[in-house]
N, C-alpha and C. Protein backbone atom coordinates (compact mmCIF):
# COMPACT_ATOMS: atom_id res chain seq x y z
N MET A 1 59.77 -191.70 223.45
CA MET A 1 59.71 -190.86 222.29
C MET A 1 58.28 -190.42 222.04
N MET A 2 58.11 -189.17 221.67
CA MET A 2 56.80 -188.61 221.40
C MET A 2 56.62 -188.52 219.90
N MET A 3 55.46 -188.89 219.39
CA MET A 3 55.20 -188.86 217.96
C MET A 3 54.58 -187.54 217.57
N LEU A 4 55.08 -186.95 216.49
CA LEU A 4 54.50 -185.74 215.93
C LEU A 4 53.83 -186.13 214.63
N GLY A 5 52.54 -185.97 214.55
CA GLY A 5 51.83 -186.33 213.34
C GLY A 5 51.88 -187.84 213.14
N THR A 6 52.21 -188.25 211.92
CA THR A 6 52.21 -189.67 211.63
C THR A 6 53.58 -190.30 211.75
N SER A 7 54.65 -189.55 211.48
CA SER A 7 55.94 -190.23 211.44
C SER A 7 57.10 -189.41 211.98
N ALA A 8 56.86 -188.43 212.81
CA ALA A 8 57.95 -187.67 213.41
C ALA A 8 58.06 -188.07 214.88
N ARG A 9 59.30 -188.09 215.42
CA ARG A 9 59.50 -188.49 216.80
C ARG A 9 60.17 -187.37 217.58
N VAL A 10 59.81 -187.25 218.84
CA VAL A 10 60.45 -186.31 219.75
C VAL A 10 60.72 -187.04 221.06
N CYS A 11 61.95 -186.91 221.55
CA CYS A 11 62.25 -187.49 222.87
C CYS A 11 61.63 -186.58 223.92
N ARG A 12 60.95 -187.16 224.88
CA ARG A 12 60.36 -186.36 225.94
C ARG A 12 61.45 -185.88 226.89
N PRO A 13 61.39 -184.62 227.33
CA PRO A 13 62.39 -184.12 228.25
C PRO A 13 62.35 -184.85 229.58
N LEU A 14 63.48 -184.87 230.25
CA LEU A 14 63.59 -185.55 231.53
C LEU A 14 62.60 -184.99 232.54
N ALA A 15 62.36 -183.67 232.51
CA ALA A 15 61.42 -183.05 233.44
C ALA A 15 60.02 -183.64 233.28
N PHE A 16 59.64 -183.94 232.03
CA PHE A 16 58.32 -184.51 231.77
C PHE A 16 58.24 -185.94 232.33
N ARG A 17 59.28 -186.73 232.10
CA ARG A 17 59.27 -188.11 232.58
C ARG A 17 59.26 -188.17 234.09
N LEU A 18 59.81 -187.16 234.75
CA LEU A 18 59.85 -187.15 236.20
C LEU A 18 58.68 -186.39 236.82
N GLY A 19 57.73 -185.98 235.99
CA GLY A 19 56.55 -185.29 236.50
C GLY A 19 56.74 -183.80 236.67
N GLY A 20 57.77 -183.23 236.05
CA GLY A 20 58.04 -181.79 236.16
C GLY A 20 57.16 -180.99 235.23
N SER A 21 57.52 -179.75 235.02
CA SER A 21 56.72 -178.86 234.19
C SER A 21 56.93 -179.17 232.71
N VAL A 22 55.87 -179.00 231.94
CA VAL A 22 55.90 -179.24 230.52
C VAL A 22 55.16 -178.11 229.84
N ARG A 23 55.59 -177.77 228.63
CA ARG A 23 54.90 -176.73 227.87
C ARG A 23 53.61 -177.29 227.29
N PHE A 24 52.59 -176.48 227.23
CA PHE A 24 51.35 -176.90 226.61
C PHE A 24 50.84 -175.79 225.70
N ALA A 25 50.39 -176.17 224.54
CA ALA A 25 49.78 -175.21 223.64
C ALA A 25 48.43 -174.80 224.20
N SER A 26 48.06 -173.54 224.01
CA SER A 26 46.77 -173.08 224.52
C SER A 26 45.75 -173.01 223.39
N HIS A 27 44.53 -173.32 223.74
CA HIS A 27 43.41 -173.30 222.80
C HIS A 27 42.37 -172.34 223.35
N GLU A 28 41.78 -171.56 222.46
CA GLU A 28 40.72 -170.65 222.87
C GLU A 28 39.71 -170.57 221.74
N VAL A 29 38.47 -170.90 222.03
CA VAL A 29 37.42 -170.78 221.03
C VAL A 29 37.03 -169.31 220.96
N THR A 30 37.14 -168.76 219.77
CA THR A 30 36.88 -167.34 219.60
C THR A 30 36.04 -167.09 218.35
N SER A 31 35.41 -165.95 218.31
CA SER A 31 34.61 -165.57 217.16
C SER A 31 35.53 -165.22 215.99
N VAL A 32 35.03 -165.41 214.78
CA VAL A 32 35.81 -165.07 213.59
C VAL A 32 36.10 -163.57 213.57
N ALA A 33 35.24 -162.77 214.19
CA ALA A 33 35.46 -161.32 214.22
C ALA A 33 36.71 -160.95 215.01
N ASP A 34 37.20 -161.85 215.88
CA ASP A 34 38.38 -161.56 216.68
C ASP A 34 39.68 -162.11 216.09
N VAL A 35 39.59 -162.82 214.98
CA VAL A 35 40.79 -163.35 214.33
C VAL A 35 41.48 -162.21 213.58
N ARG A 36 42.80 -162.14 213.71
CA ARG A 36 43.57 -161.09 213.05
C ARG A 36 44.78 -161.69 212.33
N LYS A 37 45.44 -160.86 211.55
CA LYS A 37 46.60 -161.27 210.77
C LYS A 37 47.68 -161.86 211.68
N GLY A 38 48.22 -163.01 211.28
CA GLY A 38 49.28 -163.66 212.03
C GLY A 38 48.80 -164.70 213.02
N MET A 39 47.52 -164.73 213.33
CA MET A 39 46.99 -165.72 214.28
C MET A 39 46.90 -167.09 213.62
N ILE A 40 47.17 -168.11 214.42
CA ILE A 40 47.02 -169.49 213.95
C ILE A 40 45.71 -170.01 214.54
N TYR A 41 44.88 -170.56 213.68
CA TYR A 41 43.61 -171.11 214.14
C TYR A 41 43.37 -172.46 213.49
N LYS A 42 42.47 -173.22 214.09
CA LYS A 42 42.14 -174.55 213.59
C LYS A 42 40.68 -174.55 213.19
N HIS A 43 40.43 -174.92 211.94
CA HIS A 43 39.07 -174.97 211.43
C HIS A 43 38.95 -176.23 210.57
N ASN A 44 37.95 -177.04 210.82
CA ASN A 44 37.77 -178.33 210.13
C ASN A 44 39.00 -179.22 210.26
N ASP A 45 39.60 -179.23 211.45
CA ASP A 45 40.79 -180.04 211.75
C ASP A 45 42.00 -179.71 210.88
N ILE A 46 42.07 -178.48 210.38
CA ILE A 46 43.21 -178.03 209.59
C ILE A 46 43.78 -176.78 210.25
N TYR A 47 45.10 -176.76 210.44
CA TYR A 47 45.75 -175.58 211.01
C TYR A 47 45.96 -174.54 209.91
N LYS A 48 45.57 -173.31 210.21
CA LYS A 48 45.65 -172.22 209.24
C LYS A 48 46.24 -170.99 209.91
N GLU A 49 46.99 -170.20 209.15
CA GLU A 49 47.53 -168.94 209.65
C GLU A 49 46.92 -167.81 208.83
N CYS A 50 46.25 -166.90 209.51
CA CYS A 50 45.56 -165.80 208.86
C CYS A 50 46.57 -164.80 208.29
N THR A 51 46.42 -164.46 207.01
CA THR A 51 47.29 -163.46 206.39
C THR A 51 46.54 -162.16 206.09
N ASN A 52 45.22 -162.25 205.97
CA ASN A 52 44.43 -161.05 205.71
C ASN A 52 43.02 -161.28 206.24
N TRP A 53 42.42 -160.23 206.81
CA TRP A 53 41.11 -160.33 207.42
C TRP A 53 40.28 -159.16 206.91
N HIS A 54 39.04 -159.44 206.49
CA HIS A 54 38.19 -158.37 205.96
C HIS A 54 36.74 -158.61 206.36
N CYS A 55 36.12 -157.57 206.92
CA CYS A 55 34.71 -157.62 207.29
C CYS A 55 33.91 -156.98 206.17
N GLN A 56 32.90 -157.69 205.71
CA GLN A 56 32.07 -157.17 204.63
C GLN A 56 30.63 -157.08 205.13
N LYS A 57 30.09 -155.85 205.11
CA LYS A 57 28.74 -155.64 205.60
C LYS A 57 28.08 -154.56 204.76
N THR A 58 26.85 -154.82 204.36
CA THR A 58 26.11 -153.82 203.60
C THR A 58 24.85 -153.45 204.36
N GLY A 59 24.72 -152.18 204.68
CA GLY A 59 23.53 -151.68 205.38
C GLY A 59 23.30 -152.37 206.70
N ARG A 60 22.04 -152.83 206.88
CA ARG A 60 21.69 -153.51 208.13
C ARG A 60 21.86 -155.01 208.04
N GLY A 61 22.39 -155.50 206.96
CA GLY A 61 22.55 -156.94 206.76
C GLY A 61 23.61 -157.53 207.68
N ALA A 62 23.63 -158.82 207.71
CA ALA A 62 24.60 -159.52 208.55
C ALA A 62 26.00 -159.38 207.96
N ALA A 63 26.96 -159.30 208.85
CA ALA A 63 28.35 -159.18 208.43
C ALA A 63 28.89 -160.55 208.04
N THR A 64 29.73 -160.56 207.01
CA THR A 64 30.47 -161.76 206.64
C THR A 64 31.95 -161.41 206.72
N TYR A 65 32.73 -162.40 207.06
CA TYR A 65 34.17 -162.20 207.25
C TYR A 65 34.93 -163.04 206.23
N GLN A 66 35.85 -162.39 205.54
CA GLN A 66 36.70 -163.09 204.58
C GLN A 66 38.09 -163.21 205.19
N LEU A 67 38.52 -164.44 205.38
CA LEU A 67 39.85 -164.69 205.93
C LEU A 67 40.70 -165.31 204.84
N THR A 68 41.78 -164.63 204.48
CA THR A 68 42.77 -165.21 203.60
C THR A 68 43.80 -165.86 204.51
N HIS A 69 44.13 -167.10 204.22
CA HIS A 69 44.99 -167.84 205.14
C HIS A 69 45.94 -168.75 204.38
N ILE A 70 46.97 -169.20 205.10
CA ILE A 70 47.88 -170.21 204.58
C ILE A 70 47.55 -171.51 205.28
N VAL A 71 47.31 -172.56 204.51
CA VAL A 71 47.11 -173.89 205.08
C VAL A 71 48.50 -174.37 205.48
N LEU A 72 48.74 -174.54 206.78
CA LEU A 72 50.08 -174.80 207.27
C LEU A 72 50.61 -176.18 206.91
N SER A 73 49.76 -177.12 206.58
CA SER A 73 50.24 -178.46 206.24
C SER A 73 50.89 -178.52 204.87
N ASN A 74 50.48 -177.64 203.95
CA ASN A 74 51.06 -177.70 202.62
C ASN A 74 51.50 -176.34 202.06
N GLY A 75 51.23 -175.25 202.75
CA GLY A 75 51.70 -173.93 202.33
C GLY A 75 50.87 -173.23 201.29
N THR A 76 49.70 -173.75 200.95
CA THR A 76 48.86 -173.10 199.95
C THR A 76 48.06 -171.96 200.57
N THR A 77 47.80 -170.94 199.77
CA THR A 77 47.01 -169.80 200.22
C THR A 77 45.58 -169.97 199.73
N LYS A 78 44.64 -169.81 200.65
CA LYS A 78 43.22 -169.95 200.31
C LYS A 78 42.42 -168.87 201.02
N GLN A 79 41.14 -168.81 200.71
CA GLN A 79 40.26 -167.83 201.34
C GLN A 79 39.00 -168.53 201.83
N ASP A 80 38.59 -168.20 203.05
CA ASP A 80 37.35 -168.73 203.62
C ASP A 80 36.40 -167.57 203.89
N ASN A 81 35.12 -167.81 203.70
CA ASN A 81 34.08 -166.84 204.05
C ASN A 81 33.29 -167.40 205.23
N PHE A 82 33.12 -166.58 206.26
CA PHE A 82 32.42 -167.00 207.46
C PHE A 82 31.29 -166.03 207.77
N SER A 83 30.23 -166.54 208.39
CA SER A 83 29.18 -165.65 208.89
C SER A 83 29.65 -165.06 210.21
N GLY A 84 28.96 -164.06 210.69
CA GLY A 84 29.37 -163.37 211.90
C GLY A 84 29.34 -164.22 213.16
N SER A 85 28.55 -165.28 213.18
CA SER A 85 28.41 -166.09 214.39
C SER A 85 29.36 -167.29 214.43
N THR A 86 30.17 -167.46 213.41
CA THR A 86 31.08 -168.62 213.35
C THR A 86 32.18 -168.49 214.40
N ARG A 87 32.53 -169.62 214.98
CA ARG A 87 33.60 -169.65 215.98
C ARG A 87 34.69 -170.61 215.51
N VAL A 88 35.93 -170.24 215.76
CA VAL A 88 37.07 -171.08 215.42
C VAL A 88 37.94 -171.25 216.66
N SER A 89 38.81 -172.23 216.63
CA SER A 89 39.70 -172.49 217.75
C SER A 89 41.04 -171.80 217.50
N LYS A 90 41.31 -170.76 218.28
CA LYS A 90 42.57 -170.02 218.18
C LYS A 90 43.64 -170.81 218.93
N ILE A 91 44.80 -171.01 218.29
CA ILE A 91 45.86 -171.83 218.85
C ILE A 91 47.09 -170.97 219.15
N GLU A 92 47.65 -171.17 220.33
CA GLU A 92 48.97 -170.61 220.67
C GLU A 92 49.89 -171.82 220.80
N PRO A 93 50.57 -172.23 219.71
CA PRO A 93 51.34 -173.47 219.74
C PRO A 93 52.62 -173.35 220.57
N ASP A 94 53.12 -174.50 221.01
CA ASP A 94 54.43 -174.56 221.67
C ASP A 94 55.49 -174.28 220.61
N ARG A 95 56.56 -173.64 221.05
CA ARG A 95 57.64 -173.29 220.13
C ARG A 95 58.93 -173.91 220.63
N ARG A 96 59.64 -174.58 219.75
CA ARG A 96 60.95 -175.15 220.09
C ARG A 96 61.94 -174.69 219.04
N PHE A 97 63.14 -174.35 219.51
CA PHE A 97 64.21 -173.92 218.62
C PHE A 97 65.18 -175.08 218.45
N LEU A 98 65.34 -175.53 217.21
CA LEU A 98 66.11 -176.72 216.92
C LEU A 98 67.20 -176.44 215.89
N GLU A 99 68.14 -177.37 215.80
CA GLU A 99 69.19 -177.29 214.79
C GLU A 99 69.28 -178.64 214.09
N VAL A 100 69.40 -178.61 212.76
CA VAL A 100 69.49 -179.84 211.98
C VAL A 100 70.87 -180.45 212.19
N THR A 101 70.90 -181.71 212.63
CA THR A 101 72.19 -182.39 212.79
C THR A 101 72.57 -183.13 211.51
N PHE A 102 71.64 -183.89 210.95
CA PHE A 102 71.92 -184.55 209.68
C PHE A 102 70.61 -185.01 209.04
N ILE A 103 70.70 -185.29 207.75
CA ILE A 103 69.56 -185.80 207.00
C ILE A 103 69.87 -187.25 206.64
N ASP A 104 69.05 -188.17 207.11
CA ASP A 104 69.27 -189.60 206.91
C ASP A 104 68.56 -190.03 205.63
N LYS A 105 69.35 -190.21 204.55
CA LYS A 105 68.79 -190.65 203.27
C LYS A 105 69.11 -192.12 203.00
N GLU A 106 69.92 -192.74 203.86
CA GLU A 106 70.37 -194.10 203.61
C GLU A 106 69.44 -195.16 204.19
N THR A 107 68.84 -194.91 205.35
CA THR A 107 67.99 -195.90 206.00
C THR A 107 66.78 -196.23 205.12
N ASP A 108 66.11 -195.21 204.64
CA ASP A 108 64.96 -195.39 203.75
C ASP A 108 65.07 -194.35 202.63
N PRO A 109 65.65 -194.72 201.48
CA PRO A 109 65.88 -193.74 200.41
C PRO A 109 64.60 -193.09 199.87
N LYS A 110 63.47 -193.79 199.98
CA LYS A 110 62.22 -193.23 199.47
C LYS A 110 61.65 -192.18 200.42
N ASN A 111 61.89 -192.32 201.73
CA ASN A 111 61.38 -191.40 202.74
C ASN A 111 62.52 -190.93 203.64
N PRO A 112 63.34 -189.95 203.18
CA PRO A 112 64.44 -189.46 204.03
C PRO A 112 63.91 -188.78 205.29
N VAL A 113 64.71 -188.82 206.36
CA VAL A 113 64.32 -188.28 207.65
C VAL A 113 65.35 -187.24 208.08
N VAL A 114 64.87 -186.12 208.64
CA VAL A 114 65.74 -185.06 209.15
C VAL A 114 65.86 -185.24 210.66
N HIS A 115 67.09 -185.27 211.16
CA HIS A 115 67.34 -185.38 212.59
C HIS A 115 67.72 -184.00 213.12
N LEU A 116 67.04 -183.56 214.19
CA LEU A 116 67.28 -182.26 214.79
C LEU A 116 67.51 -182.42 216.28
N VAL A 117 68.16 -181.44 216.90
CA VAL A 117 68.32 -181.42 218.35
C VAL A 117 68.00 -180.03 218.86
N ASP A 118 67.51 -179.95 220.12
CA ASP A 118 67.26 -178.65 220.74
C ASP A 118 68.42 -178.31 221.67
N GLU A 119 68.26 -177.24 222.45
CA GLU A 119 69.35 -176.78 223.32
C GLU A 119 69.68 -177.77 224.43
N ASP A 120 68.75 -178.67 224.77
CA ASP A 120 68.99 -179.69 225.78
C ASP A 120 69.41 -181.02 225.15
N PHE A 121 69.69 -181.01 223.84
CA PHE A 121 70.09 -182.18 223.06
C PHE A 121 69.02 -183.27 223.04
N ASP A 122 67.74 -182.85 223.14
CA ASP A 122 66.64 -183.78 222.92
C ASP A 122 66.49 -183.95 221.42
N GLU A 123 66.43 -185.19 220.95
CA GLU A 123 66.40 -185.46 219.53
C GLU A 123 64.97 -185.42 218.98
N VAL A 124 64.84 -184.85 217.79
CA VAL A 124 63.56 -184.80 217.08
C VAL A 124 63.82 -185.31 215.67
N THR A 125 62.98 -186.18 215.16
CA THR A 125 63.08 -186.63 213.77
C THR A 125 61.79 -186.28 213.05
N ILE A 126 61.95 -185.69 211.88
CA ILE A 126 60.81 -185.25 211.08
C ILE A 126 61.06 -185.68 209.64
N PRO A 127 60.05 -186.21 208.95
CA PRO A 127 60.24 -186.59 207.55
C PRO A 127 60.60 -185.36 206.70
N LEU A 128 61.49 -185.57 205.74
CA LEU A 128 61.93 -184.48 204.86
C LEU A 128 60.77 -183.89 204.08
N GLU A 129 59.77 -184.70 203.76
CA GLU A 129 58.62 -184.21 203.00
C GLU A 129 57.86 -183.10 203.74
N LYS A 130 57.89 -183.12 205.08
CA LYS A 130 57.24 -182.05 205.86
C LYS A 130 57.96 -180.73 205.63
N PHE A 131 59.29 -180.74 205.55
CA PHE A 131 60.05 -179.52 205.28
C PHE A 131 59.74 -179.01 203.88
N ASN A 132 59.68 -179.91 202.91
CA ASN A 132 59.42 -179.50 201.53
C ASN A 132 58.03 -178.90 201.38
N ALA A 133 57.06 -179.40 202.15
CA ALA A 133 55.69 -178.90 202.06
C ALA A 133 55.52 -177.57 202.79
N MET A 134 56.26 -177.36 203.90
CA MET A 134 56.02 -176.19 204.75
C MET A 134 57.02 -175.06 204.56
N SER A 135 58.08 -175.28 203.79
CA SER A 135 59.10 -174.24 203.68
C SER A 135 59.61 -174.16 202.25
N THR A 136 59.94 -172.95 201.82
CA THR A 136 60.51 -172.76 200.48
C THR A 136 62.03 -172.85 200.52
N VAL A 137 62.61 -172.77 201.71
CA VAL A 137 64.06 -172.83 201.88
C VAL A 137 64.49 -174.29 201.94
N LYS A 138 65.57 -174.61 201.25
CA LYS A 138 66.10 -175.98 201.26
C LYS A 138 66.76 -176.27 202.59
N VAL A 139 66.41 -177.39 203.21
CA VAL A 139 66.97 -177.77 204.51
C VAL A 139 68.32 -178.44 204.29
N SER A 140 69.28 -178.11 205.17
CA SER A 140 70.60 -178.70 205.10
C SER A 140 71.16 -178.81 206.51
N ASP A 141 72.30 -179.49 206.66
CA ASP A 141 72.92 -179.65 207.97
C ASP A 141 73.26 -178.29 208.55
N GLY A 142 73.00 -178.10 209.83
CA GLY A 142 73.31 -176.85 210.52
C GLY A 142 72.22 -175.80 210.44
N CYS A 143 71.13 -176.06 209.74
CA CYS A 143 70.03 -175.09 209.66
C CYS A 143 69.39 -174.92 211.03
N LYS A 144 68.97 -173.72 211.33
CA LYS A 144 68.21 -173.44 212.55
C LYS A 144 66.73 -173.48 212.18
N VAL A 145 65.95 -174.22 212.98
CA VAL A 145 64.55 -174.44 212.69
C VAL A 145 63.71 -174.11 213.92
N THR A 146 62.58 -173.44 213.71
CA THR A 146 61.61 -173.23 214.77
C THR A 146 60.45 -174.18 214.50
N LEU A 147 60.15 -175.01 215.49
CA LEU A 147 59.12 -176.03 215.38
C LEU A 147 57.93 -175.61 216.23
N TYR A 148 56.76 -175.50 215.62
CA TYR A 148 55.53 -175.17 216.33
C TYR A 148 54.70 -176.44 216.45
N THR A 149 54.31 -176.80 217.69
CA THR A 149 53.52 -178.01 217.90
C THR A 149 52.28 -177.71 218.74
N ASP A 150 51.28 -178.52 218.53
CA ASP A 150 50.06 -178.49 219.33
C ASP A 150 49.90 -179.88 219.93
N GLY A 151 50.42 -180.05 221.13
CA GLY A 151 50.45 -181.38 221.73
C GLY A 151 51.44 -182.23 220.95
N ASP A 152 50.96 -183.30 220.33
CA ASP A 152 51.81 -184.18 219.53
C ASP A 152 51.73 -183.86 218.04
N GLU A 153 50.92 -182.89 217.65
CA GLU A 153 50.73 -182.58 216.24
C GLU A 153 51.68 -181.48 215.79
N LEU A 154 52.25 -181.67 214.62
CA LEU A 154 53.12 -180.67 214.01
C LEU A 154 52.24 -179.60 213.37
N VAL A 155 52.44 -178.34 213.78
CA VAL A 155 51.63 -177.25 213.26
C VAL A 155 52.38 -176.51 212.15
N LYS A 156 53.64 -176.14 212.43
CA LYS A 156 54.37 -175.29 211.50
C LYS A 156 55.87 -175.49 211.68
N LEU A 157 56.60 -175.42 210.57
CA LEU A 157 58.06 -175.47 210.56
C LEU A 157 58.57 -174.20 209.91
N VAL A 158 59.50 -173.53 210.56
CA VAL A 158 60.08 -172.32 209.98
C VAL A 158 61.60 -172.45 210.03
N ILE A 159 62.25 -172.37 208.88
CA ILE A 159 63.71 -172.37 208.83
C ILE A 159 64.15 -170.94 209.03
N THR A 160 64.84 -170.67 210.15
CA THR A 160 65.22 -169.30 210.49
C THR A 160 66.63 -168.95 210.05
N GLU A 161 67.48 -169.97 209.88
CA GLU A 161 68.84 -169.71 209.46
C GLU A 161 69.33 -170.90 208.63
N ALA A 162 69.85 -170.61 207.44
CA ALA A 162 70.33 -171.68 206.56
C ALA A 162 71.69 -171.26 206.00
N GLY A 163 72.67 -172.12 206.12
CA GLY A 163 74.00 -171.84 205.57
C GLY A 163 74.66 -170.66 206.24
N GLY A 164 74.37 -170.42 207.52
CA GLY A 164 74.97 -169.30 208.25
C GLY A 164 74.32 -167.97 207.97
N LYS A 165 73.27 -167.92 207.16
CA LYS A 165 72.59 -166.67 206.84
C LYS A 165 71.17 -166.72 207.35
N LYS A 166 70.70 -165.62 207.88
CA LYS A 166 69.32 -165.53 208.38
C LYS A 166 68.36 -165.56 207.19
N VAL A 167 67.26 -166.28 207.37
CA VAL A 167 66.23 -166.38 206.34
C VAL A 167 65.07 -165.50 206.76
N THR A 168 64.60 -164.65 205.86
CA THR A 168 63.48 -163.77 206.20
C THR A 168 62.23 -164.19 205.50
């Protein structure tokens, strides 16, 4: 089992255990001037998704960049100001498409766990609190979820379908 963050588990695919091919998230150190809307980047060990980018420059002075972003761990919107020479780590996370099988509230009532499976029936367990922090849609049995990971770290959760209806 592979751990995601502090308390989520993922079963490793058979291909990985046998030395086959495995997906890997890509990292690229890039200038803040190259960050655009929709990109996921890591700054100060926090995963952020850029929602707005603005270059501010007056005359011959140095350019500053204002990035409005969503902190992916809790969903809050914030703004960072960077100088022109700042570099951040641009992330292309792995993407897995999962379906919620059930929510286990009986084993530990204080910390319920969501059980999901992918198309190969590899099981993933994620604490319910991660869904509440990263999504505004209520998670239920049968929901379709897109899971973004960077190695063993959980980057982003997106509920794409809930109750048979697509979520936008």
